[in-house]
Amino acid sequence: MKNLRLKAARASKDLSQQGLADLVGVSRQTILAVEKGDYNPTVKLCIAICQALDKTLDDLFWPEE
């Protein structure tokens, strides 16, 4: 399942995939895979992404009902 909330949060901070990847210490391809739903990130990576984007885990990674 695509993570459109992550993509929107990244765009609202005016960050490219590479920019976010640099902030959290992963490759651009990893961010792309998370956004596309092709990669299930570790909790550590989820937390790093949330901190970089000033969001909570619920904001970005909790399934919507």
N, C-alpha and C. Protein backbone atom coordinates (compact mmCIF):
# COMPACT_ATOMS: atom_id res chain seq x y z
N MET A 1 0.83 -1.18 0.00
CA MET A 1 0.00 0.00 0.00
C MET A 1 0.88 1.24 0.00
N LYS A 2 0.61 2.16 -0.90
CA LYS A 2 1.39 3.38 -0.99
C LYS A 2 1.23 4.21 0.27
N ASN A 3 2.31 4.87 0.65
CA ASN A 3 2.25 5.75 1.82
C ASN A 3 2.19 7.20 1.34
N LEU A 4 0.98 7.62 0.98
CA LEU A 4 0.78 8.97 0.48
C LEU A 4 0.93 10.01 1.58
N ARG A 5 0.68 9.62 2.83
CA ARG A 5 0.85 10.56 3.95
C ARG A 5 2.32 10.92 4.11
N LEU A 6 3.21 9.94 3.95
CA LEU A 6 4.64 10.21 4.03
C LEU A 6 5.07 11.13 2.89
N LYS A 7 4.61 10.82 1.70
CA LYS A 7 4.97 11.65 0.53
C LYS A 7 4.48 13.09 0.72
N ALA A 8 3.26 13.25 1.21
CA ALA A 8 2.71 14.59 1.43
C ALA A 8 3.48 15.34 2.52
N ALA A 9 3.83 14.65 3.59
CA ALA A 9 4.58 15.28 4.68
C ALA A 9 5.96 15.71 4.20
N ARG A 10 6.58 14.88 3.39
CA ARG A 10 7.90 15.22 2.84
C ARG A 10 7.79 16.44 1.93
N ALA A 11 6.78 16.45 1.09
CA ALA A 11 6.59 17.57 0.16
C ALA A 11 6.27 18.86 0.92
N SER A 12 5.52 18.76 2.02
CA SER A 12 5.17 19.96 2.78
C SER A 12 6.39 20.59 3.43
N LYS A 13 7.42 19.79 3.66
CA LYS A 13 8.69 20.31 4.20
C LYS A 13 9.64 20.73 3.08
N ASP A 14 9.15 20.63 1.84
CA ASP A 14 9.95 20.98 0.66
C ASP A 14 11.22 20.14 0.58
N LEU A 15 11.07 18.85 0.91
CA LEU A 15 12.20 17.92 0.85
C LEU A 15 12.04 16.98 -0.32
N SER A 16 13.13 16.75 -1.02
CA SER A 16 13.14 15.70 -2.04
C SER A 16 13.32 14.36 -1.35
N GLN A 17 13.14 13.29 -2.10
CA GLN A 17 13.42 11.97 -1.53
C GLN A 17 14.87 11.90 -1.08
N GLN A 18 15.78 12.46 -1.86
CA GLN A 18 17.19 12.45 -1.49
C GLN A 18 17.43 13.27 -0.24
N GLY A 19 16.75 14.40 -0.12
CA GLY A 19 16.91 15.24 1.06
C GLY A 19 16.48 14.52 2.33
N LEU A 20 15.33 13.85 2.28
CA LEU A 20 14.87 13.09 3.44
C LEU A 20 15.82 11.93 3.71
N ALA A 21 16.25 11.25 2.66
CA ALA A 21 17.18 10.14 2.83
C ALA A 21 18.46 10.59 3.53
N ASP A 22 18.97 11.74 3.13
CA ASP A 22 20.18 12.27 3.77
C ASP A 22 19.96 12.55 5.25
N LEU A 23 18.78 13.09 5.58
CA LEU A 23 18.48 13.41 6.98
C LEU A 23 18.40 12.17 7.86
N VAL A 24 17.90 11.07 7.30
CA VAL A 24 17.69 9.86 8.13
C VAL A 24 18.75 8.78 7.90
N GLY A 25 19.68 9.02 6.99
CA GLY A 25 20.80 8.11 6.81
C GLY A 25 20.51 6.85 6.01
N VAL A 26 19.65 6.99 5.00
CA VAL A 26 19.38 5.85 4.11
C VAL A 26 19.51 6.33 2.67
N SER A 27 19.33 5.42 1.73
CA SER A 27 19.41 5.80 0.32
C SER A 27 18.09 6.38 -0.17
N ARG A 28 18.15 7.11 -1.26
CA ARG A 28 16.94 7.64 -1.88
C ARG A 28 16.01 6.50 -2.28
N GLN A 29 16.60 5.39 -2.72
CA GLN A 29 15.80 4.24 -3.13
C GLN A 29 14.99 3.67 -1.96
N THR A 30 15.54 3.75 -0.75
CA THR A 30 14.82 3.28 0.43
C THR A 30 13.59 4.14 0.67
N ILE A 31 13.75 5.46 0.59
CA ILE A 31 12.61 6.36 0.78
C ILE A 31 11.57 6.11 -0.31
N LEU A 32 12.01 5.95 -1.54
CA LEU A 32 11.10 5.65 -2.64
C LEU A 32 10.33 4.36 -2.36
N ALA A 33 11.02 3.32 -1.92
CA ALA A 33 10.37 2.03 -1.64
C ALA A 33 9.36 2.14 -0.49
N VAL A 34 9.68 2.93 0.53
CA VAL A 34 8.73 3.12 1.64
C VAL A 34 7.49 3.85 1.12
N GLU A 35 7.68 4.89 0.34
CA GLU A 35 6.54 5.64 -0.20
C GLU A 35 5.69 4.78 -1.11
N LYS A 36 6.30 3.92 -1.89
CA LYS A 36 5.56 3.05 -2.81
C LYS A 36 4.92 1.86 -2.11
N GLY A 37 5.31 1.62 -0.86
CA GLY A 37 4.77 0.47 -0.15
C GLY A 37 5.49 -0.83 -0.46
N ASP A 38 6.66 -0.72 -1.07
CA ASP A 38 7.43 -1.91 -1.42
C ASP A 38 8.40 -2.32 -0.32
N TYR A 39 8.55 -1.51 0.70
CA TYR A 39 9.50 -1.79 1.78
C TYR A 39 8.86 -1.44 3.10
N ASN A 40 8.92 -2.36 4.04
CA ASN A 40 8.39 -2.14 5.39
C ASN A 40 9.56 -1.70 6.27
N PRO A 41 9.63 -0.42 6.61
CA PRO A 41 10.80 0.10 7.35
C PRO A 41 10.83 -0.40 8.79
N THR A 42 12.01 -0.40 9.35
CA THR A 42 12.16 -0.75 10.76
C THR A 42 11.55 0.35 11.61
N VAL A 43 11.29 0.04 12.86
CA VAL A 43 10.77 1.05 13.79
C VAL A 43 11.78 2.19 13.92
N LYS A 44 13.05 1.85 13.95
CA LYS A 44 14.10 2.87 14.06
C LYS A 44 14.03 3.85 12.88
N LEU A 45 13.85 3.33 11.68
CA LEU A 45 13.75 4.19 10.51
C LEU A 45 12.45 4.99 10.55
N CYS A 46 11.35 4.37 10.94
CA CYS A 46 10.08 5.09 11.06
C CYS A 46 10.22 6.28 12.01
N ILE A 47 10.85 6.07 13.14
CA ILE A 47 11.03 7.13 14.13
C ILE A 47 11.91 8.24 13.55
N ALA A 48 12.98 7.88 12.86
CA ALA A 48 13.87 8.88 12.26
C ALA A 48 13.12 9.71 11.22
N ILE A 49 12.30 9.07 10.42
CA ILE A 49 11.51 9.78 9.41
C ILE A 49 10.54 10.73 10.09
N CYS A 50 9.86 10.24 11.11
CA CYS A 50 8.90 11.09 11.84
C CYS A 50 9.59 12.30 12.46
N GLN A 51 10.74 12.10 13.05
CA GLN A 51 11.47 13.22 13.66
C GLN A 51 11.89 14.23 12.60
N ALA A 52 12.35 13.74 11.46
CA ALA A 52 12.79 14.64 10.39
C ALA A 52 11.63 15.46 9.83
N LEU A 53 10.42 14.89 9.86
CA LEU A 53 9.26 15.56 9.28
C LEU A 53 8.34 16.19 10.33
N ASP A 54 8.75 16.14 11.60
CA ASP A 54 7.94 16.68 12.69
C ASP A 54 6.54 16.08 12.72
N LYS A 55 6.48 14.76 12.57
CA LYS A 55 5.22 14.02 12.59
C LYS A 55 5.31 12.90 13.62
N THR A 56 4.16 12.31 13.96
CA THR A 56 4.15 11.16 14.86
C THR A 56 4.08 9.89 14.04
N LEU A 57 4.35 8.78 14.70
CA LEU A 57 4.20 7.48 14.03
C LEU A 57 2.77 7.30 13.53
N ASP A 58 1.80 7.71 14.35
CA ASP A 58 0.40 7.61 13.94
C ASP A 58 0.13 8.43 12.68
N ASP A 59 0.72 9.62 12.61
CA ASP A 59 0.51 10.50 11.45
C ASP A 59 0.93 9.83 10.14
N LEU A 60 2.04 9.13 10.19
CA LEU A 60 2.63 8.62 8.94
C LEU A 60 2.48 7.13 8.71
N PHE A 61 2.44 6.34 9.78
CA PHE A 61 2.54 4.90 9.57
C PHE A 61 1.38 4.07 10.10
N TRP A 62 0.49 4.67 10.89
CA TRP A 62 -0.63 3.89 11.41
C TRP A 62 -1.70 3.79 10.33
N PRO A 63 -2.20 2.57 10.09
CA PRO A 63 -3.22 2.42 9.03
C PRO A 63 -4.47 3.26 9.32
N GLU A 64 -5.00 3.85 8.28
CA GLU A 64 -6.24 4.59 8.43
C GLU A 64 -7.39 3.61 8.48
N GLU A 65 -8.40 3.95 9.26
CA GLU A 65 -9.55 3.05 9.38
C GLU A 65 -10.61 3.38 8.38
